[in-house]
Amino acid sequence: SFTPAKDSWEMSASEKWNLVIRNKERGGELYRAGDIG
């Protein structure tokens, strides 16, 4: 089973932007930890 989630076109502009920043910040954490891939 799974819970419903929004498609990108259903998200507000702020929700999309928050996802961008979250992934960017997570990328920085992983890079500093040496997990380059």
PDB file of all heavy atoms in Angstrom:
ATOM      1  N   SER A   1       0.858  -1.192   0.000  1.00  0.00           N
ATOM      2  CA  SER A   1       0.000   0.000   0.000  1.00  0.00           C
ATOM      3  C   SER A   1       0.887   1.232   0.000  1.00  0.00           C
ATOM      4  O   SER A   1       2.104   1.141   0.184  1.00  0.00           O
ATOM      5  CB  SER A   1      -0.907   0.009   1.237  1.00  0.00           C
ATOM      6  OG  SER A   1      -0.119   0.058   2.427  1.00  0.00           O
ATOM      7  N   PHE A   2       0.261   2.391  -0.178  1.00  0.00           N
ATOM      8  CA  PHE A   2       1.022   3.643  -0.172  1.00  0.00           C
ATOM      9  C   PHE A   2       0.071   4.797   0.105  1.00  0.00           C
ATOM     10  O   PHE A   2      -1.140   4.696  -0.110  1.00  0.00           O
ATOM     11  CB  PHE A   2       1.736   3.858  -1.517  1.00  0.00           C
ATOM     12  CG  PHE A   2       0.834   3.880  -2.709  1.00  0.00           C
ATOM     13  CD1 PHE A   2       0.255   5.064  -3.153  1.00  0.00           C
ATOM     14  CD2 PHE A   2       0.532   2.713  -3.387  1.00  0.00           C
ATOM     15  CE1 PHE A   2      -0.592   5.091  -4.243  1.00  0.00           C
ATOM     16  CE2 PHE A   2      -0.323   2.718  -4.485  1.00  0.00           C
ATOM     17  CZ  PHE A   2      -0.879   3.907  -4.911  1.00  0.00           C
ATOM     18  N   THR A   3       0.639   5.879   0.598  1.00  0.00           N
ATOM     19  CA  THR A   3      -0.156   7.077   0.850  1.00  0.00           C
ATOM     20  C   THR A   3      -0.139   7.965  -0.388  1.00  0.00           C
ATOM     21  O   THR A   3       0.829   7.944  -1.154  1.00  0.00           O
ATOM     22  CB  THR A   3       0.413   7.871   2.036  1.00  0.00           C
ATOM     23  OG1 THR A   3       1.756   8.276   1.730  1.00  0.00           O
ATOM     24  CG2 THR A   3       0.411   7.035   3.303  1.00  0.00           C
ATOM     25  N   PRO A   4      -1.182   8.740  -0.609  1.00  0.00           N
ATOM     26  CA  PRO A   4      -1.184   9.637  -1.779  1.00  0.00           C
ATOM     27  C   PRO A   4      -0.185  10.768  -1.594  1.00  0.00           C
ATOM     28  O   PRO A   4       0.170  11.141  -0.476  1.00  0.00           O
ATOM     29  CB  PRO A   4      -2.622  10.168  -1.820  1.00  0.00           C
ATOM     30  CG  PRO A   4      -3.128  10.018  -0.421  1.00  0.00           C
ATOM     31  CD  PRO A   4      -2.447   8.811   0.152  1.00  0.00           C
ATOM     32  N   ALA A   5       0.281  11.292  -2.695  1.00  0.00           N
ATOM     33  CA  ALA A   5       1.188  12.452  -2.687  1.00  0.00           C
ATOM     34  C   ALA A   5       0.876  13.296  -3.913  1.00  0.00           C
ATOM     35  O   ALA A   5       0.183  12.851  -4.824  1.00  0.00           O
ATOM     36  CB  ALA A   5       2.640  11.998  -2.685  1.00  0.00           C
ATOM     37  N   LYS A   6       1.383  14.498  -3.910  1.00  0.00           N
ATOM     38  CA  LYS A   6       1.078  15.424  -4.995  1.00  0.00           C
ATOM     39  C   LYS A   6       2.042  15.264  -6.169  1.00  0.00           C
ATOM     40  O   LYS A   6       3.235  15.028  -5.971  1.00  0.00           O
ATOM     41  CB  LYS A   6       1.160  16.869  -4.494  1.00  0.00           C
ATOM     42  CG  LYS A   6       0.093  17.264  -3.498  1.00  0.00           C
ATOM     43  CD  LYS A   6       0.277  18.718  -3.096  1.00  0.00           C
ATOM     44  CE  LYS A   6      -0.784  19.181  -2.097  1.00  0.00           C
ATOM     45  NZ  LYS A   6      -0.584  20.593  -1.704  1.00  0.00           N
ATOM     46  N   ASP A   7       1.506  15.408  -7.380  1.00  0.00           N
ATOM     47  CA  ASP A   7       2.358  15.600  -8.545  1.00  0.00           C
ATOM     48  C   ASP A   7       2.922  17.014  -8.494  1.00  0.00           C
ATOM     49  O   ASP A   7       2.368  17.897  -7.818  1.00  0.00           O
ATOM     50  CB  ASP A   7       1.556  15.420  -9.836  1.00  0.00           C
ATOM     51  CG  ASP A   7       1.384  13.951 -10.204  1.00  0.00           C
ATOM     52  OD1 ASP A   7       2.383  13.223 -10.177  1.00  0.00           O
ATOM     53  OD2 ASP A   7       0.245  13.545 -10.491  1.00  0.00           O
ATOM     54  N   SER A   8       4.015  17.234  -9.231  1.00  0.00           N
ATOM     55  CA  SER A   8       4.637  18.558  -9.195  1.00  0.00           C
ATOM     56  C   SER A   8       3.676  19.658  -9.650  1.00  0.00           C
ATOM     57  O   SER A   8       3.693  20.769  -9.112  1.00  0.00           O
ATOM     58  CB  SER A   8       5.898  18.582 -10.066  1.00  0.00           C
ATOM     59  OG  SER A   8       5.573  18.273 -11.407  1.00  0.00           O
ATOM     60  N   TRP A   9       2.802  19.330 -10.616  1.00  0.00           N
ATOM     61  CA  TRP A   9       1.872  20.355 -11.102  1.00  0.00           C
ATOM     62  C   TRP A   9       0.784  20.685 -10.085  1.00  0.00           C
ATOM     63  O   TRP A   9       0.104  21.695 -10.194  1.00  0.00           O
ATOM     64  CB  TRP A   9       1.250  19.925 -12.432  1.00  0.00           C
ATOM     65  CG  TRP A   9       0.527  18.604 -12.406  1.00  0.00           C
ATOM     66  CD1 TRP A   9       1.037  17.378 -12.699  1.00  0.00           C
ATOM     67  CD2 TRP A   9      -0.852  18.385 -12.068  1.00  0.00           C
ATOM     68  NE1 TRP A   9       0.087  16.396 -12.566  1.00  0.00           N
ATOM     69  CE2 TRP A   9      -1.091  16.997 -12.181  1.00  0.00           C
ATOM     70  CE3 TRP A   9      -1.896  19.219 -11.679  1.00  0.00           C
ATOM     71  CZ2 TRP A   9      -2.333  16.422 -11.920  1.00  0.00           C
ATOM     72  CZ3 TRP A   9      -3.138  18.635 -11.423  1.00  0.00           C
ATOM     73  CH2 TRP A   9      -3.334  17.266 -11.546  1.00  0.00           C
ATOM     74  N   GLU A  10       0.617  19.807  -9.068  1.00  0.00           N
ATOM     75  CA  GLU A  10      -0.363  20.069  -8.014  1.00  0.00           C
ATOM     76  C   GLU A  10       0.229  20.878  -6.859  1.00  0.00           C
ATOM     77  O   GLU A  10      -0.506  21.360  -6.007  1.00  0.00           O
ATOM     78  CB  GLU A  10      -0.901  18.743  -7.469  1.00  0.00           C
ATOM     79  CG  GLU A  10      -1.655  17.905  -8.484  1.00  0.00           C
ATOM     80  CD  GLU A  10      -2.061  16.562  -7.928  1.00  0.00           C
ATOM     81  OE1 GLU A  10      -1.178  15.778  -7.533  1.00  0.00           O
ATOM     82  OE2 GLU A  10      -3.281  16.285  -7.874  1.00  0.00           O
ATOM     83  N   MET A  11       1.526  21.004  -6.824  1.00  0.00           N
ATOM     84  CA  MET A  11       2.184  21.705  -5.718  1.00  0.00           C
ATOM     85  C   MET A  11       2.142  23.215  -5.930  1.00  0.00           C
ATOM     86  O   MET A  11       2.142  23.694  -7.070  1.00  0.00           O
ATOM     87  CB  MET A  11       3.652  21.268  -5.610  1.00  0.00           C
ATOM     88  CG  MET A  11       3.857  19.830  -5.250  1.00  0.00           C
ATOM     89  SD  MET A  11       5.638  19.464  -5.142  1.00  0.00           S
ATOM     90  CE  MET A  11       5.588  17.697  -4.858  1.00  0.00           C
ATOM     91  N   SER A  12       2.147  23.917  -4.830  1.00  0.00           N
ATOM     92  CA  SER A  12       2.262  25.371  -4.906  1.00  0.00           C
ATOM     93  C   SER A  12       3.698  25.742  -5.249  1.00  0.00           C
ATOM     94  O   SER A  12       4.614  24.920  -5.140  1.00  0.00           O
ATOM     95  CB  SER A  12       1.867  26.001  -3.571  1.00  0.00           C
ATOM     96  OG  SER A  12       2.822  25.655  -2.566  1.00  0.00           O
ATOM     97  N   ALA A  13       3.908  26.976  -5.648  1.00  0.00           N
ATOM     98  CA  ALA A  13       5.259  27.446  -5.983  1.00  0.00           C
ATOM     99  C   ALA A  13       6.201  27.294  -4.787  1.00  0.00           C
ATOM    100  O   ALA A  13       7.359  26.894  -4.934  1.00  0.00           O
ATOM    101  CB  ALA A  13       5.206  28.890  -6.446  1.00  0.00           C
ATOM    102  N   SER A  14       5.703  27.581  -3.597  1.00  0.00           N
ATOM    103  CA  SER A  14       6.561  27.490  -2.406  1.00  0.00           C
ATOM    104  C   SER A  14       6.914  26.040  -2.095  1.00  0.00           C
ATOM    105  O   SER A  14       8.039  25.743  -1.663  1.00  0.00           O
ATOM    106  CB  SER A  14       5.875  28.145  -1.204  1.00  0.00           C
ATOM    107  OG  SER A  14       4.666  27.482  -0.894  1.00  0.00           O
ATOM    108  N   GLU A  15       5.967  25.113  -2.319  1.00  0.00           N
ATOM    109  CA  GLU A  15       6.248  23.702  -2.072  1.00  0.00           C
ATOM    110  C   GLU A  15       7.340  23.192  -3.018  1.00  0.00           C
ATOM    111  O   GLU A  15       8.251  22.468  -2.611  1.00  0.00           O
ATOM    112  CB  GLU A  15       4.977  22.870  -2.249  1.00  0.00           C
ATOM    113  CG  GLU A  15       3.976  23.020  -1.123  1.00  0.00           C
ATOM    114  CD  GLU A  15       2.682  22.278  -1.392  1.00  0.00           C
ATOM    115  OE1 GLU A  15       2.198  22.305  -2.557  1.00  0.00           O
ATOM    116  OE2 GLU A  15       2.134  21.675  -0.448  1.00  0.00           O
ATOM    117  N   LYS A  16       7.242  23.571  -4.282  1.00  0.00           N
ATOM    118  CA  LYS A  16       8.268  23.156  -5.246  1.00  0.00           C
ATOM    119  C   LYS A  16       9.627  23.727  -4.868  1.00  0.00           C
ATOM    120  O   LYS A  16      10.651  23.034  -4.914  1.00  0.00           O
ATOM    121  CB  LYS A  16       7.884  23.622  -6.649  1.00  0.00           C
ATOM    122  CG  LYS A  16       6.637  22.963  -7.219  1.00  0.00           C
ATOM    123  CD  LYS A  16       6.274  23.601  -8.554  1.00  0.00           C
ATOM    124  CE  LYS A  16       4.939  23.111  -9.059  1.00  0.00           C
ATOM    125  NZ  LYS A  16       4.529  23.784 -10.318  1.00  0.00           N
ATOM    126  N   TRP A  17       9.633  24.998  -4.503  1.00  0.00           N
ATOM    127  CA  TRP A  17      10.897  25.640  -4.171  1.00  0.00           C
ATOM    128  C   TRP A  17      11.520  25.019  -2.930  1.00  0.00           C
ATOM    129  O   TRP A  17      12.741  24.838  -2.863  1.00  0.00           O
ATOM    130  CB  TRP A  17      10.685  27.137  -3.988  1.00  0.00           C
ATOM    131  CG  TRP A  17      11.968  27.891  -3.826  1.00  0.00           C
ATOM    132  CD1 TRP A  17      12.398  28.551  -2.722  1.00  0.00           C
ATOM    133  CD2 TRP A  17      13.002  28.026  -4.798  1.00  0.00           C
ATOM    134  NE1 TRP A  17      13.629  29.114  -2.944  1.00  0.00           N
ATOM    135  CE2 TRP A  17      14.030  28.807  -4.218  1.00  0.00           C
ATOM    136  CE3 TRP A  17      13.153  27.580  -6.109  1.00  0.00           C
ATOM    137  CZ2 TRP A  17      15.196  29.135  -4.894  1.00  0.00           C
ATOM    138  CZ3 TRP A  17      14.323  27.909  -6.779  1.00  0.00           C
ATOM    139  CH2 TRP A  17      15.322  28.677  -6.174  1.00  0.00           C
ATOM    140  N   ASN A  18      10.689  24.688  -1.946  1.00  0.00           N
ATOM    141  CA  ASN A  18      11.201  24.040  -0.737  1.00  0.00           C
ATOM    142  C   ASN A  18      11.848  22.696  -1.054  1.00  0.00           C
ATOM    143  O   ASN A  18      12.858  22.316  -0.451  1.00  0.00           O
ATOM    144  CB  ASN A  18      10.077  23.858   0.285  1.00  0.00           C
ATOM    145  CG  ASN A  18       9.671  25.163   0.935  1.00  0.00           C
ATOM    146  OD1 ASN A  18      10.435  26.129   0.955  1.00  0.00           O
ATOM    147  ND2 ASN A  18       8.452  25.211   1.460  1.00  0.00           N
ATOM    148  N   LEU A  19      11.263  21.956  -2.009  1.00  0.00           N
ATOM    149  CA  LEU A  19      11.854  20.680  -2.418  1.00  0.00           C
ATOM    150  C   LEU A  19      13.215  20.891  -3.073  1.00  0.00           C
ATOM    151  O   LEU A  19      14.148  20.112  -2.857  1.00  0.00           O
ATOM    152  CB  LEU A  19      10.922  19.954  -3.393  1.00  0.00           C
ATOM    153  CG  LEU A  19       9.832  19.076  -2.791  1.00  0.00           C
ATOM    154  CD1 LEU A  19       8.974  18.469  -3.905  1.00  0.00           C
ATOM    155  CD2 LEU A  19      10.445  17.963  -1.947  1.00  0.00           C
ATOM    156  N   VAL A  20      13.325  21.921  -3.886  1.00  0.00           N
ATOM    157  CA  VAL A  20      14.609  22.241  -4.516  1.00  0.00           C
ATOM    158  C   VAL A  20      15.667  22.496  -3.445  1.00  0.00           C
ATOM    159  O   VAL A  20      16.770  21.927  -3.484  1.00  0.00           O
ATOM    160  CB  VAL A  20      14.482  23.472  -5.441  1.00  0.00           C
ATOM    161  CG1 VAL A  20      15.859  23.944  -5.900  1.00  0.00           C
ATOM    162  CG2 VAL A  20      13.598  23.157  -6.639  1.00  0.00           C
ATOM    163  N   ILE A  21      15.338  23.354  -2.486  1.00  0.00           N
ATOM    164  CA  ILE A  21      16.310  23.710  -1.444  1.00  0.00           C
ATOM    165  C   ILE A  21      16.652  22.508  -0.580  1.00  0.00           C
ATOM    166  O   ILE A  21      17.826  22.303  -0.202  1.00  0.00           O
ATOM    167  CB  ILE A  21      15.763  24.870  -0.581  1.00  0.00           C
ATOM    168  CG1 ILE A  21      15.519  26.107  -1.449  1.00  0.00           C
ATOM    169  CG2 ILE A  21      16.720  25.188   0.560  1.00  0.00           C
ATOM    170  CD1 ILE A  21      16.732  26.591  -2.215  1.00  0.00           C
ATOM    171  N   ARG A  22      15.659  21.676  -0.263  1.00  0.00           N
ATOM    172  CA  ARG A  22      15.911  20.484   0.549  1.00  0.00           C
ATOM    173  C   ARG A  22      16.908  19.558  -0.135  1.00  0.00           C
ATOM    174  O   ARG A  22      17.840  19.036   0.488  1.00  0.00           O
ATOM    175  CB  ARG A  22      14.609  19.729   0.824  1.00  0.00           C
ATOM    176  CG  ARG A  22      13.864  20.202   2.073  1.00  0.00           C
ATOM    177  CD  ARG A  22      12.516  19.534   2.205  1.00  0.00           C
ATOM    178  NE  ARG A  22      12.569  18.088   1.992  1.00  0.00           N
ATOM    179  CZ  ARG A  22      11.504  17.331   1.755  1.00  0.00           C
ATOM    180  NH1 ARG A  22      10.309  17.884   1.671  1.00  0.00           N
ATOM    181  NH2 ARG A  22      11.614  16.034   1.598  1.00  0.00           N
ATOM    182  N   ASN A  23      16.721  19.336  -1.428  1.00  0.00           N
ATOM    183  CA  ASN A  23      17.628  18.454  -2.152  1.00  0.00           C
ATOM    184  C   ASN A  23      19.010  19.079  -2.307  1.00  0.00           C
ATOM    185  O   ASN A  23      20.022  18.374  -2.233  1.00  0.00           O
ATOM    186  CB  ASN A  23      17.036  18.104  -3.517  1.00  0.00           C
ATOM    187  CG  ASN A  23      16.007  16.995  -3.434  1.00  0.00           C
ATOM    188  OD1 ASN A  23      16.346  15.816  -3.371  1.00  0.00           O
ATOM    189  ND2 ASN A  23      14.730  17.369  -3.423  1.00  0.00           N
ATOM    190  N   LYS A  24      19.071  20.378  -2.499  1.00  0.00           N
ATOM    191  CA  LYS A  24      20.367  21.059  -2.588  1.00  0.00           C
ATOM    192  C   LYS A  24      21.134  20.934  -1.272  1.00  0.00           C
ATOM    193  O   LYS A  24      22.335  20.615  -1.257  1.00  0.00           O
ATOM    194  CB  LYS A  24      20.158  22.530  -2.935  1.00  0.00           C
ATOM    195  CG  LYS A  24      21.437  23.356  -3.039  1.00  0.00           C
ATOM    196  CD  LYS A  24      21.105  24.788  -3.454  1.00  0.00           C
ATOM    197  CE  LYS A  24      22.379  25.630  -3.601  1.00  0.00           C
ATOM    198  NZ  LYS A  24      23.005  25.909  -2.302  1.00  0.00           N
ATOM    199  N   GLU A  25      20.443  21.175  -0.166  1.00  0.00           N
ATOM    200  CA  GLU A  25      21.098  21.089   1.136  1.00  0.00           C
ATOM    201  C   GLU A  25      21.524  19.660   1.450  1.00  0.00           C
ATOM    202  O   GLU A  25      22.605  19.422   1.999  1.00  0.00           O
ATOM    203  CB  GLU A  25      20.157  21.618   2.223  1.00  0.00           C
ATOM    204  CG  GLU A  25      19.938  23.138   2.123  1.00  0.00           C
ATOM    205  CD  GLU A  25      18.923  23.640   3.123  1.00  0.00           C
ATOM    206  OE1 GLU A  25      18.228  22.794   3.735  1.00  0.00           O
ATOM    207  OE2 GLU A  25      18.820  24.878   3.298  1.00  0.00           O
ATOM    208  N   ARG A  26      20.670  18.695   1.084  1.00  0.00           N
ATOM    209  CA  ARG A  26      21.022  17.288   1.312  1.00  0.00           C
ATOM    210  C   ARG A  26      22.236  16.904   0.468  1.00  0.00           C
ATOM    211  O   ARG A  26      23.112  16.163   0.928  1.00  0.00           O
ATOM    212  CB  ARG A  26      19.826  16.393   0.980  1.00  0.00           C
ATOM    213  CG  ARG A  26      20.076  14.898   1.180  1.00  0.00           C
ATOM    214  CD  ARG A  26      20.465  14.581   2.602  1.00  0.00           C
ATOM    215  NE  ARG A  26      20.683  13.162   2.793  1.00  0.00           N
ATOM    216  CZ  ARG A  26      21.424  12.641   3.759  1.00  0.00           C
ATOM    217  NH1 ARG A  26      22.011  13.440   4.643  1.00  0.00           N
ATOM    218  NH2 ARG A  26      21.584  11.344   3.861  1.00  0.00           N
ATOM    219  N   GLY A  27      22.298  17.423  -0.746  1.00  0.00           N
ATOM    220  CA  GLY A  27      23.462  17.171  -1.579  1.00  0.00           C
ATOM    221  C   GLY A  27      24.739  17.674  -0.938  1.00  0.00           C
ATOM    222  O   GLY A  27      25.777  17.005  -0.971  1.00  0.00           O
ATOM    223  N   GLY A  28      24.671  18.862  -0.335  1.00  0.00           N
ATOM    224  CA  GLY A  28      25.837  19.396   0.354  1.00  0.00           C
ATOM    225  C   GLY A  28      26.270  18.527   1.524  1.00  0.00           C
ATOM    226  O   GLY A  28      27.469  18.295   1.744  1.00  0.00           O
ATOM    227  N   GLU A  29      25.299  18.033   2.280  1.00  0.00           N
ATOM    228  CA  GLU A  29      25.613  17.151   3.412  1.00  0.00           C
ATOM    229  C   GLU A  29      26.304  15.874   2.934  1.00  0.00           C
ATOM    230  O   GLU A  29      27.299  15.425   3.520  1.00  0.00           O
ATOM    231  CB  GLU A  29      24.330  16.790   4.162  1.00  0.00           C
ATOM    232  CG  GLU A  29      23.672  17.965   4.881  1.00  0.00           C
ATOM    233  CD  GLU A  29      22.288  17.615   5.405  1.00  0.00           C
ATOM    234  OE1 GLU A  29      21.862  16.450   5.219  1.00  0.00           O
ATOM    235  OE2 GLU A  29      21.628  18.497   5.996  1.00  0.00           O
ATOM    236  N   LEU A  30      25.781  15.292   1.870  1.00  0.00           N
ATOM    237  CA  LEU A  30      26.354  14.053   1.347  1.00  0.00           C
ATOM    238  C   LEU A  30      27.750  14.286   0.781  1.00  0.00           C
ATOM    239  O   LEU A  30      28.648  13.450   0.954  1.00  0.00           O
ATOM    240  CB  LEU A  30      25.430  13.466   0.273  1.00  0.00           C
ATOM    241  CG  LEU A  30      24.084  12.934   0.790  1.00  0.00           C
ATOM    242  CD1 LEU A  30      23.099  12.760  -0.356  1.00  0.00           C
ATOM    243  CD2 LEU A  30      24.292  11.608   1.525  1.00  0.00           C
ATOM    244  N   TYR A  31      27.945  15.422   0.107  1.00  0.00           N
ATOM    245  CA  TYR A  31      29.269  15.729  -0.450  1.00  0.00           C
ATOM    246  C   TYR A  31      30.301  15.859   0.669  1.00  0.00           C
ATOM    247  O   TYR A  31      31.405  15.308   0.580  1.00  0.00           O
ATOM    248  CB  TYR A  31      29.199  17.016  -1.270  1.00  0.00           C
ATOM    249  CG  TYR A  31      30.463  17.311  -2.041  1.00  0.00           C
ATOM    250  CD1 TYR A  31      30.628  16.828  -3.333  1.00  0.00           C
ATOM    251  CD2 TYR A  31      31.491  18.068  -1.473  1.00  0.00           C
ATOM    252  CE1 TYR A  31      31.792  17.085  -4.055  1.00  0.00           C
ATOM    253  CE2 TYR A  31      32.656  18.321  -2.177  1.00  0.00           C
ATOM    254  CZ  TYR A  31      32.799  17.836  -3.467  1.00  0.00           C
ATOM    255  OH  TYR A  31      33.961  18.087  -4.160  1.00  0.00           O
ATOM    256  N   ARG A  32      29.933  16.570   1.711  1.00  0.00           N
ATOM    257  CA  ARG A  32      30.863  16.752   2.834  1.00  0.00           C
ATOM    258  C   ARG A  32      31.151  15.430   3.540  1.00  0.00           C
ATOM    259  O   ARG A  32      32.230  15.248   4.103  1.00  0.00           O
ATOM    260  CB  ARG A  32      30.311  17.781   3.817  1.00  0.00           C
ATOM    261  CG  ARG A  32      30.334  19.212   3.276  1.00  0.00           C
ATOM    262  CD  ARG A  32      29.958  20.222   4.337  1.00  0.00           C
ATOM    263  NE  ARG A  32      28.553  20.133   4.712  1.00  0.00           N
ATOM    264  CZ  ARG A  32      27.563  20.749   4.085  1.00  0.00           C
ATOM    265  NH1 ARG A  32      27.828  21.515   3.026  1.00  0.00           N
ATOM    266  NH2 ARG A  32      26.312  20.623   4.495  1.00  0.00           N
ATOM    267  N   ALA A  33      30.180  14.509   3.481  1.00  0.00           N
ATOM    268  CA  ALA A  33      30.371  13.196   4.105  1.00  0.00           C
ATOM    269  C   ALA A  33      31.143  12.244   3.205  1.00  0.00           C
ATOM    270  O   ALA A  33      31.460  11.129   3.611  1.00  0.00           O
ATOM    271  CB  ALA A  33      29.009  12.588   4.454  1.00  0.00           C
ATOM    272  N   GLY A  34      31.447  12.676   1.989  1.00  0.00           N
ATOM    273  CA  GLY A  34      32.220  11.845   1.079  1.00  0.00           C
ATOM    274  C   GLY A  34      31.404  10.926   0.199  1.00  0.00           C
ATOM    275  O   GLY A  34      31.970  10.125  -0.550  1.00  0.00           O
ATOM    276  N   ASP A  35      30.074  11.023   0.247  1.00  0.00           N
ATOM    277  CA  ASP A  35      29.220  10.189  -0.600  1.00  0.00           C
ATOM    278  C   ASP A  35      28.928  10.969  -1.881  1.00  0.00           C
ATOM    279  O   ASP A  35      27.860  11.566  -2.049  1.00  0.00           O
ATOM    280  CB  ASP A  35      27.922   9.834   0.136  1.00  0.00           C
ATOM    281  CG  ASP A  35      27.170   8.689  -0.520  1.00  0.00           C
ATOM    282  OD1 ASP A  35      27.453   8.390  -1.697  1.00  0.00           O
ATOM    283  OD2 ASP A  35      26.292   8.098   0.137  1.00  0.00           O
ATOM    284  N   ILE A  36      29.887  10.954  -2.791  1.00  0.00           N
ATOM    285  CA  ILE A  36      29.840  11.840  -3.953  1.00  0.00           C
ATOM    286  C   ILE A  36      28.738  11.436  -4.933  1.00  0.00           C
ATOM    287  O   ILE A  36      28.046  12.297  -5.490  1.00  0.00           O
ATOM    288  CB  ILE A  36      31.205  11.864  -4.662  1.00  0.00           C
ATOM    289  CG1 ILE A  36      32.329  12.174  -3.652  1.00  0.00           C
ATOM    290  CG2 ILE A  36      31.192  12.882  -5.785  1.00  0.00           C
ATOM    291  CD1 ILE A  36      32.133  13.451  -2.876  1.00  0.00           C
ATOM    292  N   GLY A  37      28.562  10.144  -5.159  1.00  0.00           N
ATOM    293  CA  GLY A  37      27.513   9.696  -6.072  1.00  0.00           C
ATOM    294  C   GLY A  37      26.136  10.107  -5.602  1.00  0.00           C
ATOM    295  O   GLY A  37      25.306  10.576  -6.389  1.00  0.00           O
TER     296      GLY A  37
END
